[in-house]
Amino acid sequence: MQDLRGDRLQIMLTPEELSLVDDFRFRHRMPTRAAAIRELLRLGLAAKPIRADGSRSSHYGLFDRGPDGHKPGGDRSQEPE
């Protein structure tokens, strides 16, 4: 069966986020970044649900933004509302 993908999704990643995607890809011997991102989406969607609270898109990065650039993010469930 042919794998059809009709819609294109374009996202912007920081260099640190892209490095994590590439590390995942090579660690799991995946053929492309797209395949790695699809697998990460599958894993993420199978994980525990998150609450939708109207947060901004920038609140969902893998790294916190600070005066010294991006830093690894912590547990998002602990952030004040």
Protein backbone atom coordinates (compact mmCIF):
# COMPACT_ATOMS: atom_id res chain seq x y z
CA MET A 1 0.00 0.00 0.00
CA GLN A 2 1.36 3.39 -0.99
CA ASP A 3 1.87 5.84 1.88
CA LEU A 4 0.07 9.03 0.79
CA ARG A 5 0.73 12.32 2.52
CA GLY A 6 -1.45 15.09 1.15
CA ASP A 7 -0.76 17.90 3.60
CA ARG A 8 2.52 19.64 4.27
CA LEU A 9 3.36 20.91 7.75
CA GLN A 10 6.13 23.44 8.07
CA ILE A 11 7.62 24.23 11.48
CA MET A 12 10.48 26.36 12.73
CA LEU A 13 12.96 24.81 15.17
CA THR A 14 15.80 26.31 17.12
CA PRO A 15 19.26 24.90 16.38
CA GLU A 16 19.09 23.06 19.73
CA GLU A 17 15.71 21.50 18.89
CA LEU A 18 16.92 20.43 15.47
CA SER A 19 19.98 18.87 17.07
CA LEU A 20 17.70 16.80 19.34
CA VAL A 21 15.66 15.64 16.34
CA ASP A 22 18.84 14.67 14.48
CA ASP A 23 20.20 12.85 17.55
CA PHE A 24 16.93 10.88 17.81
CA ARG A 25 17.03 10.14 14.08
CA PHE A 26 20.58 8.80 14.07
CA ARG A 27 20.19 6.91 17.38
CA HIS A 28 17.20 5.04 15.90
CA ARG A 29 18.69 4.75 12.38
CA MET A 30 15.79 6.56 10.74
CA PRO A 31 16.14 7.44 7.04
CA THR A 32 15.02 11.09 7.17
CA ARG A 33 14.25 13.97 9.53
CA ALA A 34 10.63 13.72 8.40
CA ALA A 35 10.46 10.08 9.49
CA ALA A 36 12.00 10.97 12.85
CA ILE A 37 9.53 13.81 13.40
CA ARG A 38 6.59 11.57 12.47
CA GLU A 39 7.80 8.98 15.01
CA LEU A 40 8.26 11.66 17.68
CA LEU A 41 4.71 12.88 16.97
CA ARG A 42 3.38 9.33 17.27
CA LEU A 43 5.17 8.85 20.59
CA GLY A 44 4.03 12.22 21.87
CA LEU A 45 0.41 11.66 20.93
CA ALA A 46 0.49 8.30 22.74
CA ALA A 47 1.86 9.94 25.91
CA LYS A 48 -0.21 11.45 28.70
CA PRO A 49 -2.56 14.23 27.59
CA ILE A 50 -1.76 17.85 28.33
CA ARG A 51 -4.25 20.48 29.38
CA ALA A 52 -5.08 23.19 26.88
CA ASP A 53 -4.82 26.47 28.74
CA GLY A 54 -4.49 29.06 26.00
CA SER A 55 -0.71 29.23 26.26
CA ARG A 56 1.32 30.89 23.54
CA SER A 57 3.06 28.78 20.94
CA SER A 58 6.46 29.79 22.34
CA HIS A 59 5.55 28.12 25.66
CA TYR A 60 5.80 24.72 24.00
CA GLY A 61 9.48 24.73 23.01
CA LEU A 62 11.99 22.22 24.24
CA PHE A 63 14.16 24.98 25.66
CA ASP A 64 13.35 27.96 27.87
CA ARG A 65 14.30 31.35 26.53
CA GLY A 66 16.32 33.53 28.82
CA PRO A 67 18.76 36.42 28.72
CA ASP A 68 21.57 33.98 27.94
CA GLY A 69 19.75 32.25 25.09
CA HIS A 70 17.94 28.92 25.13
CA LYS A 71 18.22 26.64 28.14
CA PRO A 72 16.85 23.12 28.56
CA GLY A 73 13.24 23.37 29.71
CA GLY A 74 11.86 21.83 32.85
CA ASP A 75 8.55 20.19 33.65
CA ARG A 76 5.91 22.40 32.02
CA SER A 77 3.24 21.25 34.48
CA GLN A 78 4.97 23.22 37.25
CA GLU A 79 4.80 26.60 35.50
CA PRO A 80 2.54 29.25 37.06
CA GLU A 81 -0.64 30.11 35.18
